[in-house]
């Protein structure tokens, strides 16, 4: 019974006896595939713009932790504790900016971004008044006891 030597490859050849062409071909093929899969941004890179702003109520109060979304692209952020938001590095184009927070009507506007510019949008959210239906009979029973 023959024993296979340690480090031997299938077919009886060891890694030390690989053909010199194969030694260069395999790493070269891996390098070619890796460079083909990597996009080249430096040659055709469009200048990127930015979008920033503040979310406030119509009364002027800043609204912290509101959700601000930029579409297309499915980009969304929370405003910070002072109601500010920022979208850096956005491709030029036309976008829909939406801001939402519980207790306020949503804000929706269209924004046009050009390369190497920063657009500032102040979103004003209007308070949403929700009137709850009260059951007078249940309330009057509670108060009379």
N, C-alpha and C. Protein backbone atom coordinates (compact mmCIF):
# COMPACT_ATOMS: atom_id res chain seq x y z
N UNK A 1 0.85 -1.17 0.00
CA UNK A 1 0.00 0.00 0.00
C UNK A 1 0.90 1.23 0.00
N UNK A 2 0.62 2.14 -0.94
CA UNK A 2 1.44 3.33 -1.03
C UNK A 2 0.88 4.43 -0.14
N UNK A 3 1.76 5.14 0.49
CA UNK A 3 1.34 6.27 1.32
C UNK A 3 1.67 7.53 0.55
N UNK A 4 0.78 8.45 0.61
CA UNK A 4 1.00 9.71 -0.06
C UNK A 4 1.90 10.59 0.80
N UNK A 5 2.85 11.21 0.19
CA UNK A 5 3.77 12.07 0.94
C UNK A 5 3.06 13.31 1.43
N UNK A 6 3.49 13.82 2.56
CA UNK A 6 2.91 15.02 3.13
C UNK A 6 3.13 16.20 2.20
N UNK A 7 2.10 16.99 1.95
CA UNK A 7 2.22 18.15 1.09
C UNK A 7 2.04 17.80 -0.38
N UNK A 8 1.75 16.57 -0.70
CA UNK A 8 1.59 16.19 -2.10
C UNK A 8 0.20 16.56 -2.58
N UNK A 9 0.14 16.93 -3.83
CA UNK A 9 -1.14 17.27 -4.45
C UNK A 9 -1.71 16.03 -5.11
N UNK A 10 -2.97 16.10 -5.50
CA UNK A 10 -3.58 14.98 -6.21
C UNK A 10 -2.85 14.78 -7.52
N UNK A 11 -2.74 13.56 -7.93
CA UNK A 11 -2.05 13.26 -9.16
C UNK A 11 -0.57 12.99 -8.94
N UNK A 12 -0.11 13.04 -7.71
CA UNK A 12 1.25 12.68 -7.41
C UNK A 12 2.26 13.79 -7.53
N UNK A 13 1.84 15.05 -7.80
CA UNK A 13 2.82 16.13 -7.89
C UNK A 13 2.79 16.92 -6.59
N UNK A 14 3.93 17.32 -6.14
CA UNK A 14 3.99 18.13 -4.93
C UNK A 14 3.96 19.60 -5.31
N UNK A 15 3.78 20.46 -4.33
CA UNK A 15 3.72 21.89 -4.59
C UNK A 15 5.07 22.42 -5.06
N UNK A 16 6.14 21.70 -4.77
CA UNK A 16 7.47 22.14 -5.19
C UNK A 16 7.72 21.86 -6.67
N UNK A 17 6.96 20.96 -7.27
CA UNK A 17 7.19 20.61 -8.66
C UNK A 17 6.18 21.24 -9.60
N UNK A 18 5.46 22.28 -9.16
CA UNK A 18 4.52 22.96 -10.05
C UNK A 18 5.29 23.63 -11.17
N UNK A 19 4.71 23.61 -12.29
CA UNK A 19 5.30 24.21 -13.48
C UNK A 19 5.49 25.71 -13.25
N UNK A 20 6.61 26.31 -13.67
CA UNK A 20 6.82 27.75 -13.48
C UNK A 20 5.74 28.60 -14.14
N UNK A 21 5.16 28.13 -15.21
CA UNK A 21 4.08 28.88 -15.86
C UNK A 21 2.86 28.94 -14.95
N UNK A 22 2.53 27.83 -14.31
CA UNK A 22 1.39 27.81 -13.40
C UNK A 22 1.64 28.69 -12.18
N UNK A 23 2.89 28.76 -11.75
CA UNK A 23 3.22 29.61 -10.60
C UNK A 23 2.95 31.08 -10.90
N UNK A 24 3.16 31.49 -12.14
CA UNK A 24 2.90 32.88 -12.52
C UNK A 24 1.46 33.09 -12.97
N UNK A 25 0.87 32.07 -13.57
CA UNK A 25 -0.47 32.20 -14.12
C UNK A 25 -1.52 32.37 -13.03
N UNK A 26 -1.45 31.61 -11.98
CA UNK A 26 -2.47 31.67 -10.93
C UNK A 26 -2.48 33.03 -10.22
N UNK A 27 -1.34 33.54 -9.70
CA UNK A 27 -1.38 34.86 -9.07
C UNK A 27 -1.75 35.97 -10.07
N UNK A 28 -1.32 35.81 -11.33
CA UNK A 28 -1.66 36.82 -12.34
C UNK A 28 -3.15 36.86 -12.61
N UNK A 29 -3.79 35.70 -12.65
CA UNK A 29 -5.23 35.65 -12.88
C UNK A 29 -5.99 36.25 -11.71
N UNK A 30 -5.55 35.96 -10.50
CA UNK A 30 -6.19 36.53 -9.32
C UNK A 30 -6.06 38.05 -9.31
N UNK A 31 -4.88 38.55 -9.66
CA UNK A 31 -4.66 40.00 -9.72
C UNK A 31 -5.51 40.66 -10.79
N UNK A 32 -5.63 40.02 -11.94
CA UNK A 32 -6.45 40.57 -13.02
C UNK A 32 -7.91 40.63 -12.63
N UNK A 33 -8.42 39.59 -11.98
CA UNK A 33 -9.82 39.59 -11.55
C UNK A 33 -10.07 40.64 -10.48
N UNK A 34 -9.13 40.81 -9.57
CA UNK A 34 -9.30 41.80 -8.50
C UNK A 34 -9.30 43.21 -9.07
N UNK A 35 -8.44 43.49 -10.03
CA UNK A 35 -8.39 44.84 -10.58
C UNK A 35 -9.60 45.11 -11.47
N UNK A 36 -10.16 44.09 -12.12
CA UNK A 36 -11.34 44.28 -12.95
C UNK A 36 -12.57 44.54 -12.10
N UNK A 37 -12.61 43.98 -10.90
CA UNK A 37 -13.78 44.15 -10.04
C UNK A 37 -13.75 45.47 -9.29
N UNK A 38 -12.60 46.14 -9.23
CA UNK A 38 -12.48 47.40 -8.51
C UNK A 38 -12.86 48.55 -9.42
N UNK A 39 -13.89 49.35 -9.07
CA UNK A 39 -14.27 50.47 -9.93
C UNK A 39 -13.21 51.55 -9.91
N UNK A 40 -13.08 52.23 -11.01
CA UNK A 40 -12.10 53.31 -11.10
C UNK A 40 -12.82 54.64 -10.94
N UNK A 41 -12.75 55.20 -9.77
CA UNK A 41 -13.44 56.45 -9.47
C UNK A 41 -12.64 57.67 -9.90
N UNK A 42 -11.35 57.57 -9.93
CA UNK A 42 -10.52 58.74 -10.17
C UNK A 42 -10.69 59.29 -11.58
N UNK A 43 -10.94 58.45 -12.56
CA UNK A 43 -11.02 58.91 -13.93
C UNK A 43 -12.34 59.60 -14.24
N UNK A 44 -13.45 59.00 -13.89
CA UNK A 44 -14.77 59.51 -14.26
C UNK A 44 -15.60 59.93 -13.06
N UNK A 45 -14.98 60.36 -12.00
CA UNK A 45 -15.71 60.69 -10.78
C UNK A 45 -16.43 62.03 -10.95
N UNK A 46 -17.73 62.01 -10.71
CA UNK A 46 -18.51 63.24 -10.73
C UNK A 46 -18.29 63.94 -9.40
N UNK A 47 -18.21 65.26 -9.41
CA UNK A 47 -18.05 65.97 -8.14
C UNK A 47 -19.29 65.74 -7.27
N UNK A 48 -19.06 65.50 -6.01
CA UNK A 48 -20.15 65.17 -5.09
C UNK A 48 -20.62 66.42 -4.37
N UNK A 49 -21.92 66.48 -4.13
CA UNK A 49 -22.51 67.58 -3.38
C UNK A 49 -22.86 67.15 -1.98
N UNK A 50 -23.45 68.05 -1.23
CA UNK A 50 -23.85 67.75 0.14
C UNK A 50 -25.19 68.43 0.42
N UNK A 51 -25.90 67.88 1.37
CA UNK A 51 -27.18 68.44 1.80
C UNK A 51 -27.16 68.49 3.31
N UNK A 52 -27.54 69.62 3.86
CA UNK A 52 -27.61 69.74 5.32
C UNK A 52 -28.74 70.67 5.68
N UNK A 53 -29.09 70.68 6.95
CA UNK A 53 -30.15 71.57 7.39
C UNK A 53 -30.58 71.30 8.82
N UNK A 54 -31.72 71.87 9.16
CA UNK A 54 -32.28 71.76 10.50
C UNK A 54 -33.76 71.45 10.37
N UNK A 55 -34.27 70.60 11.25
CA UNK A 55 -35.70 70.32 11.32
C UNK A 55 -36.25 71.06 12.52
N UNK A 56 -37.24 71.92 12.24
CA UNK A 56 -37.88 72.72 13.30
C UNK A 56 -39.39 72.56 13.23
N UNK A 57 -40.05 72.92 14.30
CA UNK A 57 -41.50 73.00 14.26
C UNK A 57 -41.88 74.34 13.63
N UNK A 58 -43.13 74.50 13.25
CA UNK A 58 -43.57 75.77 12.67
C UNK A 58 -43.51 76.89 13.71
N UNK A 59 -43.39 76.54 14.98
CA UNK A 59 -43.23 77.54 16.04
C UNK A 59 -41.77 77.95 16.23
N UNK A 60 -40.84 77.25 15.54
CA UNK A 60 -39.43 77.60 15.61
C UNK A 60 -38.59 76.72 16.51
N UNK A 61 -39.21 75.78 17.22
CA UNK A 61 -38.45 74.88 18.09
C UNK A 61 -37.74 73.82 17.26
N UNK A 62 -36.48 73.56 17.58
CA UNK A 62 -35.76 72.49 16.90
C UNK A 62 -36.31 71.14 17.33
N UNK A 63 -36.36 70.19 16.38
CA UNK A 63 -36.93 68.87 16.65
C UNK A 63 -35.81 67.84 16.62
N UNK A 64 -35.38 67.35 17.78
CA UNK A 64 -34.32 66.34 17.81
C UNK A 64 -34.84 64.97 17.41
N UNK A 65 -33.96 64.16 16.84
CA UNK A 65 -34.20 62.76 16.52
C UNK A 65 -35.36 62.53 15.55
N UNK A 66 -35.58 63.48 14.66
CA UNK A 66 -36.54 63.28 13.57
C UNK A 66 -35.85 62.44 12.50
N UNK A 67 -36.63 61.76 11.68
CA UNK A 67 -36.08 60.96 10.59
C UNK A 67 -36.10 61.80 9.32
N UNK A 68 -34.92 61.92 8.69
CA UNK A 68 -34.80 62.67 7.44
C UNK A 68 -34.34 61.67 6.38
N UNK A 69 -35.07 61.61 5.24
CA UNK A 69 -34.77 60.64 4.19
C UNK A 69 -34.55 61.36 2.87
N UNK A 70 -33.63 60.82 2.08
CA UNK A 70 -33.30 61.36 0.77
C UNK A 70 -33.49 60.24 -0.23
N UNK A 71 -34.38 60.46 -1.21
CA UNK A 71 -34.66 59.43 -2.22
C UNK A 71 -34.57 60.03 -3.60
N UNK A 72 -34.10 59.32 -4.61
CA UNK A 72 -33.71 57.92 -4.60
C UNK A 72 -32.38 57.71 -3.89
N UNK A 73 -32.13 56.49 -3.55
CA UNK A 73 -30.90 56.15 -2.86
C UNK A 73 -31.14 55.57 -1.49
N UNK A 74 -32.36 55.70 -0.99
CA UNK A 74 -32.70 55.14 0.32
C UNK A 74 -31.74 55.58 1.41
N UNK A 75 -31.35 56.85 1.40
CA UNK A 75 -30.50 57.40 2.45
C UNK A 75 -31.41 57.98 3.53
N UNK A 76 -31.14 57.66 4.77
CA UNK A 76 -31.92 58.24 5.86
C UNK A 76 -31.02 58.47 7.06
N UNK A 77 -31.38 59.47 7.84
CA UNK A 77 -30.60 59.86 9.02
C UNK A 77 -31.58 60.30 10.11
N UNK A 78 -31.11 60.23 11.35
CA UNK A 78 -31.80 60.88 12.45
C UNK A 78 -31.16 62.25 12.62
N UNK A 79 -31.96 63.24 12.97
CA UNK A 79 -31.37 64.52 13.33
C UNK A 79 -30.69 64.36 14.68
N UNK A 80 -29.70 65.20 14.95
CA UNK A 80 -29.01 65.12 16.23
C UNK A 80 -29.86 65.78 17.31
N UNK A 81 -29.31 65.95 18.49
CA UNK A 81 -30.10 66.50 19.60
C UNK A 81 -30.46 67.97 19.41
N UNK A 82 -29.86 68.63 18.41
CA UNK A 82 -30.25 70.01 18.12
C UNK A 82 -31.09 70.12 16.84
N UNK A 83 -31.52 68.98 16.29
CA UNK A 83 -32.38 68.98 15.11
C UNK A 83 -31.63 69.10 13.79
N UNK A 84 -30.31 69.04 13.80
CA UNK A 84 -29.52 69.19 12.58
C UNK A 84 -29.32 67.84 11.89
N UNK A 85 -29.21 67.88 10.56
CA UNK A 85 -28.93 66.68 9.79
C UNK A 85 -27.93 67.02 8.70
N UNK A 86 -27.32 65.97 8.11
CA UNK A 86 -26.29 66.17 7.08
C UNK A 86 -26.20 64.93 6.19
N UNK A 87 -26.15 65.14 4.88
CA UNK A 87 -25.93 64.09 3.89
C UNK A 87 -24.70 64.49 3.07
N UNK A 88 -23.50 64.07 3.45
CA UNK A 88 -22.31 64.42 2.67
C UNK A 88 -22.12 63.43 1.51
N UNK A 89 -21.41 63.86 0.49
CA UNK A 89 -21.02 62.97 -0.60
C UNK A 89 -22.16 62.43 -1.42
N UNK A 90 -23.08 63.30 -1.86
CA UNK A 90 -24.24 62.88 -2.64
C UNK A 90 -24.00 63.23 -4.11
N UNK A 91 -24.31 62.29 -4.99
CA UNK A 91 -24.17 62.53 -6.42
C UNK A 91 -25.12 63.64 -6.87
N UNK A 92 -24.75 64.43 -7.88
CA UNK A 92 -25.64 65.47 -8.39
C UNK A 92 -26.93 64.86 -8.93
N UNK A 93 -28.03 65.57 -8.78
CA UNK A 93 -29.32 65.09 -9.27
C UNK A 93 -30.47 65.72 -8.52
N UNK A 94 -31.66 65.25 -8.84
CA UNK A 94 -32.89 65.72 -8.20
C UNK A 94 -33.35 64.68 -7.19
N UNK A 95 -33.63 65.12 -5.97
CA UNK A 95 -33.99 64.22 -4.87
C UNK A 95 -35.26 64.71 -4.17
N UNK A 96 -35.93 63.78 -3.51
CA UNK A 96 -37.04 64.10 -2.62
C UNK A 96 -36.51 64.03 -1.19
N UNK A 97 -36.69 65.11 -0.46
CA UNK A 97 -36.27 65.17 0.94
C UNK A 97 -37.52 65.08 1.79
N UNK A 98 -37.52 64.13 2.71
CA UNK A 98 -38.67 63.94 3.60
C UNK A 98 -38.18 63.96 5.04
N UNK A 99 -38.94 64.65 5.88
CA UNK A 99 -38.65 64.69 7.32
C UNK A 99 -39.91 64.29 8.07
N UNK A 100 -39.73 63.44 9.08
CA UNK A 100 -40.89 62.94 9.86
C UNK A 100 -40.53 62.87 11.34
N UNK A 101 -41.54 63.10 12.15
CA UNK A 101 -41.42 62.93 13.59
C UNK A 101 -42.81 62.69 14.14
N UNK A 102 -42.90 61.85 15.14
CA UNK A 102 -44.19 61.55 15.77
C UNK A 102 -44.78 62.83 16.33
N UNK A 103 -46.05 63.05 16.05
CA UNK A 103 -46.75 64.23 16.54
C UNK A 103 -46.70 65.41 15.59
N UNK A 104 -46.10 65.22 14.39
CA UNK A 104 -45.99 66.29 13.41
C UNK A 104 -46.41 65.77 12.04
N UNK A 105 -46.91 66.67 11.20
CA UNK A 105 -47.20 66.32 9.81
C UNK A 105 -45.86 66.19 9.08
N UNK A 106 -45.76 65.23 8.16
CA UNK A 106 -44.49 65.04 7.44
C UNK A 106 -44.17 66.24 6.53
N UNK A 107 -42.89 66.45 6.33
CA UNK A 107 -42.38 67.49 5.44
C UNK A 107 -41.84 66.79 4.20
N UNK A 108 -42.16 67.33 3.01
CA UNK A 108 -41.70 66.73 1.76
C UNK A 108 -41.39 67.84 0.77
N UNK A 109 -40.19 67.80 0.18
CA UNK A 109 -39.81 68.80 -0.81
C UNK A 109 -38.86 68.17 -1.82
N UNK A 110 -38.67 68.87 -2.95
CA UNK A 110 -37.74 68.44 -3.98
C UNK A 110 -36.49 69.30 -3.90
N UNK A 111 -35.33 68.65 -3.99
CA UNK A 111 -34.04 69.33 -3.88
C UNK A 111 -33.21 68.97 -5.10
N UNK A 112 -32.55 69.96 -5.70
CA UNK A 112 -31.65 69.73 -6.82
C UNK A 112 -30.23 69.97 -6.32
N UNK A 113 -29.40 68.92 -6.40
CA UNK A 113 -28.01 69.01 -5.98
C UNK A 113 -27.10 69.08 -7.20
N UNK A 114 -26.15 69.99 -7.16
CA UNK A 114 -25.13 70.07 -8.21
C UNK A 114 -23.80 69.69 -7.59
N UNK A 115 -22.83 69.35 -8.42
CA UNK A 115 -21.54 68.92 -7.91
C UNK A 115 -20.81 70.01 -7.17
N UNK A 116 -20.04 69.64 -6.17
CA UNK A 116 -19.22 70.55 -5.36
C UNK A 116 -19.99 71.69 -4.72
N UNK A 117 -21.25 71.44 -4.33
CA UNK A 117 -22.02 72.48 -3.64
C UNK A 117 -22.74 71.86 -2.45
N UNK A 118 -23.09 72.71 -1.52
CA UNK A 118 -23.86 72.27 -0.36
C UNK A 118 -25.19 73.00 -0.36
N UNK A 119 -26.26 72.25 -0.34
CA UNK A 119 -27.61 72.81 -0.30
C UNK A 119 -28.09 72.74 1.15
N UNK A 120 -28.66 73.85 1.62
CA UNK A 120 -29.17 73.92 2.99
C UNK A 120 -30.69 73.99 2.93
N UNK A 121 -31.35 73.05 3.60
CA UNK A 121 -32.81 73.01 3.63
C UNK A 121 -33.27 72.99 5.08
N UNK A 122 -34.07 74.00 5.43
CA UNK A 122 -34.68 74.05 6.76
C UNK A 122 -36.09 73.48 6.64
N UNK A 123 -36.34 72.37 7.28
CA UNK A 123 -37.63 71.70 7.23
C UNK A 123 -38.49 72.17 8.40
N UNK A 124 -39.69 72.62 8.10
CA UNK A 124 -40.62 73.07 9.14
C UNK A 124 -41.77 72.07 9.24
N UNK A 125 -41.88 71.43 10.39
CA UNK A 125 -42.94 70.44 10.62
C UNK A 125 -44.07 71.07 11.43
N UNK A 126 -45.27 70.85 10.96
CA UNK A 126 -46.46 71.39 11.63
C UNK A 126 -46.97 70.38 12.65
N UNK A 127 -47.32 70.89 13.85
CA UNK A 127 -47.87 70.00 14.88
C UNK A 127 -49.12 69.32 14.36
N UNK A 128 -49.25 68.06 14.68
CA UNK A 128 -50.40 67.27 14.29
C UNK A 128 -51.34 67.19 15.49
N UNK A 129 -52.54 67.68 15.30
CA UNK A 129 -53.52 67.67 16.39
C UNK A 129 -54.37 66.42 16.23
N UNK A 130 -54.35 65.58 17.24
CA UNK A 130 -55.14 64.36 17.23
C UNK A 130 -56.17 64.48 18.33
N UNK A 131 -57.42 64.36 17.94
CA UNK A 131 -58.49 64.45 18.92
C UNK A 131 -58.98 63.04 19.21
N UNK A 132 -58.87 62.64 20.45
CA UNK A 132 -59.32 61.32 20.86
C UNK A 132 -60.79 61.36 21.22
N UNK A 133 -61.48 60.33 20.82
CA UNK A 133 -62.90 60.25 21.13
C UNK A 133 -63.07 59.83 22.59
N UNK A 134 -63.80 60.64 23.34
CA UNK A 134 -64.02 60.32 24.76
C UNK A 134 -65.41 59.75 24.93
N UNK A 135 -65.48 58.75 25.74
CA UNK A 135 -66.79 58.16 26.07
C UNK A 135 -67.33 58.86 27.30
N UNK A 136 -68.30 59.69 27.11
CA UNK A 136 -68.83 60.50 28.21
C UNK A 136 -69.44 59.63 29.32
N UNK A 137 -70.06 58.56 28.95
CA UNK A 137 -70.70 57.73 29.98
C UNK A 137 -69.66 57.11 30.90
N UNK A 138 -68.57 56.62 30.33
CA UNK A 138 -67.53 56.01 31.16
C UNK A 138 -66.85 57.08 32.02
N UNK A 139 -66.61 58.26 31.45
CA UNK A 139 -65.96 59.33 32.20
C UNK A 139 -66.85 59.83 33.32
N UNK A 140 -68.13 59.97 33.05
CA UNK A 140 -69.04 60.45 34.10
C UNK A 140 -69.19 59.42 35.22
N UNK A 141 -69.12 58.13 34.89
CA UNK A 141 -69.19 57.13 35.93
C UNK A 141 -67.97 57.17 36.82
N UNK A 142 -66.80 57.42 36.24
CA UNK A 142 -65.56 57.49 37.04
C UNK A 142 -65.61 58.69 37.98
N UNK A 143 -66.07 59.80 37.50
CA UNK A 143 -66.07 61.02 38.30
C UNK A 143 -67.13 60.99 39.40
N UNK A 144 -68.23 60.27 39.21
CA UNK A 144 -69.29 60.28 40.20
C UNK A 144 -68.99 59.34 41.36
N UNK A 145 -68.02 58.47 41.23
CA UNK A 145 -67.73 57.53 42.33
C UNK A 145 -66.83 58.09 43.35
